[in-house]
N, C-alpha and C. Protein backbone atom coordinates (compact mmCIF):
# COMPACT_ATOMS: atom_id res chain seq x y z
N MET A 1 0.69 -1.00 0.00
CA MET A 1 -0.26 -0.31 0.06
C MET A 1 1.48 1.11 0.05
N PHE A 2 0.27 2.33 -0.93
CA PHE A 2 0.95 3.48 -1.03
C PHE A 2 -0.01 4.59 -0.99
N GLY A 3 0.60 5.06 0.15
CA GLY A 3 -0.72 6.03 0.62
C GLY A 3 -1.92 5.91 0.79
N ASP A 4 -2.65 5.93 -0.45
CA ASP A 4 -4.31 5.46 -0.63
C ASP A 4 -4.09 4.44 -2.00
N VAL A 5 -3.20 4.03 -2.30
CA VAL A 5 -2.75 3.05 -3.72
C VAL A 5 -2.27 2.24 -3.61
N THR A 6 -3.13 1.16 -3.33
CA THR A 6 -2.45 -0.17 -3.74
C THR A 6 -2.48 -0.78 -4.77
N VAL A 7 -0.57 -1.29 -4.91
CA VAL A 7 -0.19 -1.67 -5.51
C VAL A 7 0.35 -3.51 -5.51
N SER A 8 0.28 -3.95 -6.78
CA SER A 8 0.20 -5.26 -6.99
C SER A 8 1.87 -5.87 -7.02
N GLY A 9 2.42 -4.73 -7.05
CA GLY A 9 4.41 -5.07 -7.30
C GLY A 9 5.16 -4.30 -7.78
N ALA A 10 6.12 -4.14 -8.05
CA ALA A 10 7.50 -3.23 -8.08
C ALA A 10 6.92 -1.99 -9.59
N ASP A 11 6.60 -3.12 -10.42
CA ASP A 11 6.44 -1.71 -11.58
C ASP A 11 5.22 -1.14 -11.45
N GLU A 12 4.42 -1.48 -10.77
CA GLU A 12 3.59 -0.36 -10.09
C GLU A 12 3.81 0.47 -9.40
N VAL A 13 4.61 0.18 -8.77
CA VAL A 13 5.45 1.24 -7.49
C VAL A 13 5.76 2.19 -8.61
N LYS A 14 6.46 1.81 -9.34
CA LYS A 14 7.79 2.65 -9.76
C LYS A 14 6.43 3.27 -11.10
N ARG A 15 5.61 2.88 -11.72
CA ARG A 15 4.78 3.78 -12.11
C ARG A 15 4.00 4.92 -11.58
N ASN A 16 3.16 4.18 -9.95
CA ASN A 16 2.74 5.52 -9.00
C ASN A 16 3.81 6.73 -8.93
N TRP A 17 4.93 6.09 -8.46
CA TRP A 17 6.33 7.45 -8.02
C TRP A 17 6.50 8.07 -9.41
N ASP A 18 6.47 7.92 -10.41
CA ASP A 18 7.06 8.67 -11.40
C ASP A 18 5.65 9.57 -11.97
N GLU A 19 4.52 9.12 -12.14
CA GLU A 19 3.23 9.86 -11.66
C GLU A 19 2.91 10.87 -10.48
N ILE A 20 3.76 10.80 -9.36
CA ILE A 20 3.62 11.54 -7.94
C ILE A 20 5.01 12.53 -8.64
N LYS A 21 5.54 12.16 -8.96
CA LYS A 21 6.90 13.01 -9.53
C LYS A 21 6.88 14.26 -10.59
N ARG A 22 5.77 13.24 -11.96
CA ARG A 22 5.58 14.05 -12.39
C ARG A 22 4.40 15.39 -11.95
N GLU A 23 3.08 14.97 -11.76
CA GLU A 23 2.58 15.62 -10.56
C GLU A 23 3.31 16.83 -10.01
N GLU A 24 4.08 16.29 -9.16
CA GLU A 24 5.21 17.54 -8.06
C GLU A 24 5.60 18.68 -9.56
N LYS A 25 6.33 18.36 -10.83
CA LYS A 25 6.72 18.70 -11.51
C LYS A 25 6.23 19.70 -11.76
N ARG A 26 4.76 19.44 -12.28
CA ARG A 26 3.76 20.16 -13.51
C ARG A 26 3.74 21.54 -12.28
N ALA A 27 3.14 21.04 -11.17
CA ALA A 27 2.53 22.18 -9.66
C ALA A 27 3.66 22.78 -9.82
N LEU A 28 4.95 22.64 -9.76
CA LEU A 28 6.50 23.82 -9.43
C LEU A 28 6.41 24.26 -10.51
N ALA A 29 5.85 23.80 -11.47
CA ALA A 29 6.54 24.59 -12.87
C ALA A 29 4.75 26.20 -13.28
N GLN A 30 4.00 25.35 -13.00
CA GLN A 30 2.90 26.23 -12.40
C GLN A 30 3.14 27.05 -11.72
N ARG A 31 3.34 27.12 -10.33
CA ARG A 31 3.79 28.10 -9.22
C ARG A 31 4.87 28.97 -10.02
N GLN A 32 6.19 28.62 -10.80
CA GLN A 32 6.85 29.51 -10.92
C GLN A 32 6.59 30.36 -12.50
N GLY A 33 5.44 29.53 -13.37
CA GLY A 33 4.61 30.75 -14.16
C GLY A 33 5.58 29.87 -15.35
N LEU A 34 6.17 28.63 -15.10
CA LEU A 34 6.64 27.75 -16.61
C LEU A 34 5.21 26.96 -16.98
N ASP A 35 5.48 26.04 -18.27
CA ASP A 35 4.41 26.14 -19.12
C ASP A 35 5.13 24.20 -18.33
N ALA A 36 4.50 22.79 -18.66
CA ALA A 36 4.46 21.88 -18.58
C ALA A 36 5.81 21.52 -18.87
N SER A 37 6.21 21.68 -19.99
CA SER A 37 7.41 21.24 -20.39
C SER A 37 8.54 22.11 -19.92
N GLY A 38 8.42 22.58 -19.17
CA GLY A 38 9.64 23.47 -18.21
C GLY A 38 9.64 25.78 -19.24
N GLN A 39 8.71 25.43 -19.75
CA GLN A 39 9.28 27.06 -20.96
C GLN A 39 8.83 27.94 -19.38
N ALA A 40 8.46 29.22 -19.85
CA ALA A 40 8.59 30.31 -19.52
C ALA A 40 6.44 30.17 -20.24
N ALA A 41 5.79 30.68 -19.57
CA ALA A 41 4.51 30.78 -19.97
C ALA A 41 4.08 31.83 -20.59
N PRO A 42 3.50 31.81 -21.99
CA PRO A 42 3.20 32.90 -22.55
C PRO A 42 2.79 34.44 -21.73
N SER A 43 3.77 35.31 -22.59
CA SER A 43 3.66 36.72 -22.14
C SER A 43 3.42 37.68 -22.47
N ALA A 44 1.95 38.83 -22.01
CA ALA A 44 1.60 39.62 -23.21
C ALA A 44 2.77 40.33 -23.49
N LEU A 45 3.80 40.97 -22.55
CA LEU A 45 4.70 41.47 -23.41
C LEU A 45 6.18 40.50 -23.85
N ASP A 46 5.41 39.13 -24.27
CA ASP A 46 6.34 38.35 -24.99
C ASP A 46 6.76 38.99 -26.46
N GLY A 47 7.51 39.28 -26.83
CA GLY A 47 7.81 39.93 -28.69
C GLY A 47 7.74 41.23 -28.54
N VAL A 48 8.14 42.25 -27.30
CA VAL A 48 8.40 43.63 -27.03
C VAL A 48 9.94 43.60 -27.49
N PRO A 49 10.33 43.71 -28.78
CA PRO A 49 11.76 44.21 -28.63
C PRO A 49 12.78 45.49 -27.83
N PHE A 50 13.56 44.67 -26.80
CA PHE A 50 13.80 45.85 -25.80
C PHE A 50 15.37 46.32 -26.54
N GLY A 51 15.73 46.32 -28.37
CA GLY A 51 16.71 47.10 -28.87
C GLY A 51 15.76 48.17 -29.03
N GLN A 52 14.19 48.72 -28.41
CA GLN A 52 14.42 49.76 -29.25
C GLN A 52 14.77 51.04 -28.30
N PRO A 53 14.49 52.53 -28.77
CA PRO A 53 14.87 53.42 -27.75
C PRO A 53 13.78 52.97 -26.57
N ALA A 54 14.70 53.17 -25.16
CA ALA A 54 13.94 53.01 -23.66
C ALA A 54 12.79 54.14 -24.00
N LEU A 55 12.36 55.09 -24.42
CA LEU A 55 10.97 55.73 -24.07
C LEU A 55 9.93 54.89 -24.92
N ALA A 56 10.14 54.58 -26.24
CA ALA A 56 9.10 53.85 -26.87
C ALA A 56 9.35 52.33 -26.37
N LEU A 57 10.14 51.96 -25.70
CA LEU A 57 10.30 50.36 -24.82
C LEU A 57 8.65 50.05 -23.76
N ALA A 58 8.94 52.04 -23.27
CA ALA A 58 8.59 51.83 -21.46
C ALA A 58 6.96 51.86 -22.30
N ALA A 59 6.77 52.98 -23.52
CA ALA A 59 5.52 53.72 -24.02
C ALA A 59 4.87 51.93 -24.63
N GLN A 60 5.31 51.17 -25.00
CA GLN A 60 4.80 49.20 -25.65
C GLN A 60 4.74 48.55 -24.75
N LEU A 61 5.41 48.54 -23.58
CA LEU A 61 5.35 47.80 -22.47
C LEU A 61 3.91 48.04 -21.49
N GLN A 62 4.07 49.07 -21.66
CA GLN A 62 2.98 49.42 -20.82
C GLN A 62 1.45 49.74 -21.24
N ARG A 63 1.68 50.10 -22.81
CA ARG A 63 0.29 49.64 -23.91
C ARG A 63 -0.27 47.97 -24.05
N ARG A 64 1.18 47.23 -23.94
CA ARG A 64 0.54 46.10 -23.98
C ARG A 64 -0.18 45.17 -22.72
N ALA A 65 0.89 46.27 -21.83
CA ALA A 65 0.33 45.86 -20.32
C ALA A 65 -0.86 46.03 -20.21
N ALA A 66 -1.94 47.01 -20.51
CA ALA A 66 -2.87 47.66 -20.48
C ALA A 66 -3.52 46.64 -20.88
N ARG A 67 -3.86 46.29 -22.31
CA ARG A 67 -4.38 45.98 -23.31
C ARG A 67 -4.92 43.92 -22.54
N ALA A 68 -3.49 43.50 -21.66
CA ALA A 68 -3.50 42.36 -21.20
C ALA A 68 -4.18 42.82 -20.20
N GLY A 69 -5.07 43.57 -19.08
CA GLY A 69 -5.82 43.66 -17.84
C GLY A 69 -4.89 43.89 -17.31
N VAL A 70 -3.51 44.05 -16.94
CA VAL A 70 -2.56 44.30 -15.66
C VAL A 70 -3.01 45.48 -15.09
N PRO A 71 -3.02 45.58 -14.07
CA PRO A 71 -3.27 46.24 -13.23
C PRO A 71 -2.48 47.88 -13.13
N GLU A 72 -2.59 49.20 -13.26
CA GLU A 72 -1.77 50.09 -13.47
C GLU A 72 -0.87 49.55 -11.84
N GLU A 73 -0.73 50.05 -11.31
CA GLU A 73 -0.04 49.30 -9.25
C GLU A 73 0.99 48.78 -9.98
N LEU A 74 1.22 48.34 -11.45
CA LEU A 74 2.77 47.48 -11.63
C LEU A 74 3.78 48.63 -12.08
N ALA A 75 2.93 49.74 -12.45
CA ALA A 75 3.85 50.20 -13.28
C ALA A 75 3.95 51.30 -12.20
N ARG A 76 3.32 51.84 -10.86
CA ARG A 76 3.98 52.35 -9.77
C ARG A 76 4.88 51.08 -9.38
N LEU A 77 4.94 50.27 -8.52
CA LEU A 77 5.27 49.31 -8.31
C LEU A 77 6.66 49.64 -9.02
N ALA A 78 7.05 49.35 -10.27
CA ALA A 78 8.60 49.77 -10.89
C ALA A 78 9.17 50.80 -10.32
N GLU A 79 8.30 51.79 -10.23
CA GLU A 79 8.50 53.16 -9.46
C GLU A 79 9.52 53.18 -8.22
N GLU A 80 9.41 52.12 -7.41
CA GLU A 80 9.86 51.73 -6.14
C GLU A 80 10.65 51.05 -6.52
N GLY A 81 11.78 50.80 -5.29
CA GLY A 81 12.71 49.89 -5.01
C GLY A 81 12.05 48.48 -4.57
N ASP A 82 12.96 47.52 -4.09
CA ASP A 82 12.81 46.29 -3.65
C ASP A 82 12.06 46.70 -1.99
N SER A 83 12.07 47.52 -0.80
CA SER A 83 11.70 47.61 -0.33
C SER A 83 9.85 48.58 0.09
N GLY A 84 9.78 49.08 -1.37
CA GLY A 84 8.27 49.29 -1.85
C GLY A 84 8.65 51.31 -1.62
N ALA A 85 9.76 51.23 -1.01
CA ALA A 85 10.26 53.35 -1.23
C ALA A 85 10.37 53.98 -2.36
N PRO A 86 10.49 54.70 -2.07
CA PRO A 86 11.47 55.75 -3.65
C PRO A 86 12.94 55.03 -3.17
N VAL A 87 13.28 55.26 -4.11
CA VAL A 87 14.70 55.19 -3.87
C VAL A 87 15.64 56.33 -4.79
N SER A 88 16.20 56.96 -3.97
CA SER A 88 16.60 57.97 -4.15
C SER A 88 18.63 57.74 -4.54
N SER A 89 18.35 57.50 -5.99
CA SER A 89 20.14 57.09 -6.19
C SER A 89 19.30 57.48 -8.19
N GLY A 90 20.85 56.98 -8.80
CA GLY A 90 20.40 57.57 -10.38
C GLY A 90 19.08 56.75 -11.08
N GLN A 91 18.44 55.63 -10.08
CA GLN A 91 17.81 55.27 -11.07
C GLN A 91 16.42 56.10 -10.61
N ASP A 92 16.31 57.16 -9.88
CA ASP A 92 15.17 57.83 -9.49
C ASP A 92 14.59 59.07 -11.30
N ILE A 93 16.00 58.70 -11.87
CA ILE A 93 15.74 59.84 -13.38
C ILE A 93 15.07 58.75 -14.23
N GLY A 94 14.95 57.28 -14.26
CA GLY A 94 14.54 55.94 -14.69
C GLY A 94 13.33 55.91 -14.28
N ARG A 95 13.23 56.19 -12.92
CA ARG A 95 11.73 55.85 -12.75
C ARG A 95 10.89 56.75 -13.07
N GLU A 96 11.92 58.04 -13.17
CA GLU A 96 10.40 59.44 -13.15
C GLU A 96 10.41 59.44 -15.22
N LEU A 97 11.16 59.16 -15.69
CA LEU A 97 10.89 58.70 -17.06
C LEU A 97 9.60 58.05 -17.40
N PHE A 98 9.78 56.53 -16.80
CA PHE A 98 8.50 55.84 -16.69
C PHE A 98 7.08 56.81 -16.35
N ARG A 99 6.95 56.94 -15.03
CA ARG A 99 6.26 57.72 -14.57
C ARG A 99 5.59 58.46 -15.85
N LEU A 100 6.77 60.41 -16.35
CA LEU A 100 6.19 60.36 -17.23
C LEU A 100 5.27 59.77 -18.21
N VAL A 101 6.17 58.60 -18.75
CA VAL A 101 5.27 57.87 -19.81
C VAL A 101 3.94 57.82 -19.69
N ALA A 102 3.91 57.00 -18.07
CA ALA A 102 2.21 56.53 -18.12
C ALA A 102 1.68 57.93 -17.89
N ARG A 103 2.13 58.92 -17.63
CA ARG A 103 1.92 60.34 -17.55
C ARG A 103 0.81 60.52 -19.35
N ALA A 104 2.08 60.97 -20.09
CA ALA A 104 1.89 60.60 -21.50
C ALA A 104 0.22 59.74 -21.83
N ARG A 105 0.31 58.55 -21.82
CA ARG A 105 -0.35 57.28 -22.24
C ARG A 105 -1.92 58.15 -21.51
N ALA A 106 -1.56 58.28 -20.22
CA ALA A 106 -2.95 58.31 -20.00
C ALA A 106 -3.84 59.37 -20.66
N ALA A 107 -2.72 60.75 -20.65
CA ALA A 107 -3.66 61.63 -21.63
C ALA A 107 -3.71 61.46 -22.75
N GLY A 108 -3.99 60.54 -23.43
CA GLY A 108 -3.90 60.27 -24.86
C GLY A 108 -2.75 60.22 -26.06
N HIS A 109 -1.51 60.93 -24.95
CA HIS A 109 -0.60 60.64 -26.30
C HIS A 109 0.50 60.11 -26.57
N ASP A 110 1.07 59.70 -27.54
CA ASP A 110 2.24 59.24 -27.72
C ASP A 110 3.81 59.71 -27.04
N PRO A 111 4.30 59.50 -26.34
CA PRO A 111 5.49 59.82 -25.62
C PRO A 111 6.75 60.19 -26.69
N GLU A 112 6.52 58.97 -27.54
CA GLU A 112 7.97 59.21 -28.31
C GLU A 112 7.92 60.36 -29.31
N MET A 113 6.65 61.16 -29.37
CA MET A 113 6.32 61.58 -30.55
C MET A 113 6.27 63.28 -29.51
N GLU A 114 6.10 62.88 -28.11
CA GLU A 114 5.68 64.17 -27.79
C GLU A 114 7.41 64.46 -27.52
N LEU A 115 8.50 63.79 -26.98
CA LEU A 115 9.80 64.16 -26.89
C LEU A 115 10.23 64.58 -28.20
N ARG A 116 9.83 63.73 -29.57
CA ARG A 116 10.35 64.07 -30.66
C ARG A 116 9.58 65.71 -30.63
N ALA A 117 9.01 65.64 -30.13
CA ALA A 117 8.74 66.91 -31.20
C ALA A 117 9.08 68.33 -30.41
N ALA A 118 9.62 68.31 -28.74
CA ALA A 118 10.13 68.79 -27.80
C ALA A 118 11.54 68.96 -28.24
N ALA A 119 12.15 68.04 -29.17
CA ALA A 119 13.73 67.68 -29.27
C ALA A 119 13.82 68.71 -30.62
N ARG A 120 12.83 68.60 -31.59
CA ARG A 120 12.20 69.62 -32.39
C ARG A 120 12.41 71.08 -32.52
N ARG A 121 11.44 71.29 -31.38
CA ARG A 121 11.33 72.70 -31.00
C ARG A 121 12.82 73.50 -30.09
N TYR A 122 13.63 72.67 -29.56
CA TYR A 122 14.74 72.19 -29.24
C TYR A 122 15.50 72.92 -30.44
N LEU A 123 15.74 72.19 -31.39
CA LEU A 123 16.05 72.95 -32.29
C LEU A 123 16.38 73.54 -32.84
N ASP A 124 15.33 74.02 -33.39
CA ASP A 124 15.08 75.08 -33.98
C ASP A 124 14.91 76.41 -33.74
N LEU A 125 15.22 76.56 -31.85
CA LEU A 125 15.55 77.33 -30.45
C LEU A 125 17.07 77.94 -30.90
N VAL A 126 17.80 76.87 -30.86
CA VAL A 126 18.82 76.73 -30.83
C VAL A 126 19.48 76.62 -32.45
N HIS A 127 18.71 76.57 -33.23
CA HIS A 127 19.28 77.31 -34.66
C HIS A 127 19.12 78.74 -34.83
N ARG A 128 18.15 79.57 -34.21
CA ARG A 128 17.90 80.65 -34.09
C ARG A 128 18.80 81.61 -33.83
N TRP A 129 18.78 81.10 -31.97
CA TRP A 129 20.03 81.25 -31.49
C TRP A 129 21.64 81.51 -32.13
N GLU A 130 21.95 80.37 -32.58
CA GLU A 130 22.84 80.46 -33.31
C GLU A 130 22.87 81.49 -34.53
N ARG A 131 21.97 81.64 -35.19
CA ARG A 131 21.94 82.72 -36.04
C ARG A 131 21.97 84.31 -35.33
N GLY A 132 21.43 84.27 -34.46
CA GLY A 132 21.26 85.56 -33.86
C GLY A 132 20.03 85.76 -33.40
N ALA A 133 19.07 85.57 -33.70
CA ALA A 133 17.76 85.65 -33.69
C ALA A 133 17.01 85.41 -32.18
N PRO A 134 16.50 86.23 -31.96
CA PRO A 134 15.75 85.90 -30.86
C PRO A 134 15.20 84.41 -30.74
N ALA A 135 15.51 83.83 -29.21
CA ALA A 135 14.76 82.23 -29.42
C ALA A 135 13.32 82.24 -28.94
N GLY A 136 12.71 83.34 -28.24
CA GLY A 136 10.95 83.40 -27.94
C GLY A 136 10.16 83.88 -29.27
């Protein structure tokens, strides 16, 4: 007798043992977000190219996450350190940019296009300044 299973011989004990181990592995993989083969379960963020500019990456990650129903609270958690308190280091700038991307999206703006427009305005101001024209 093995738990509540009655077996008739060594072969059946081994089959039961193998089944128990398969079930344990399946349960562990599920807890870790893996599929039955041990591969990462599909994510709404799969396929987002991380080689794109960081501002565009943040916007695309946020858009995809929102479409998948990910709570907006996760974006706020990304702004915090492991302790849950805001970090006061070089990471602050990245977190503030991430926050600004979320604000732009919430207002219906494309953050990449907005930053490009601001860069264009700056470029135009510098060109005017270089020509001796008033910048304003």
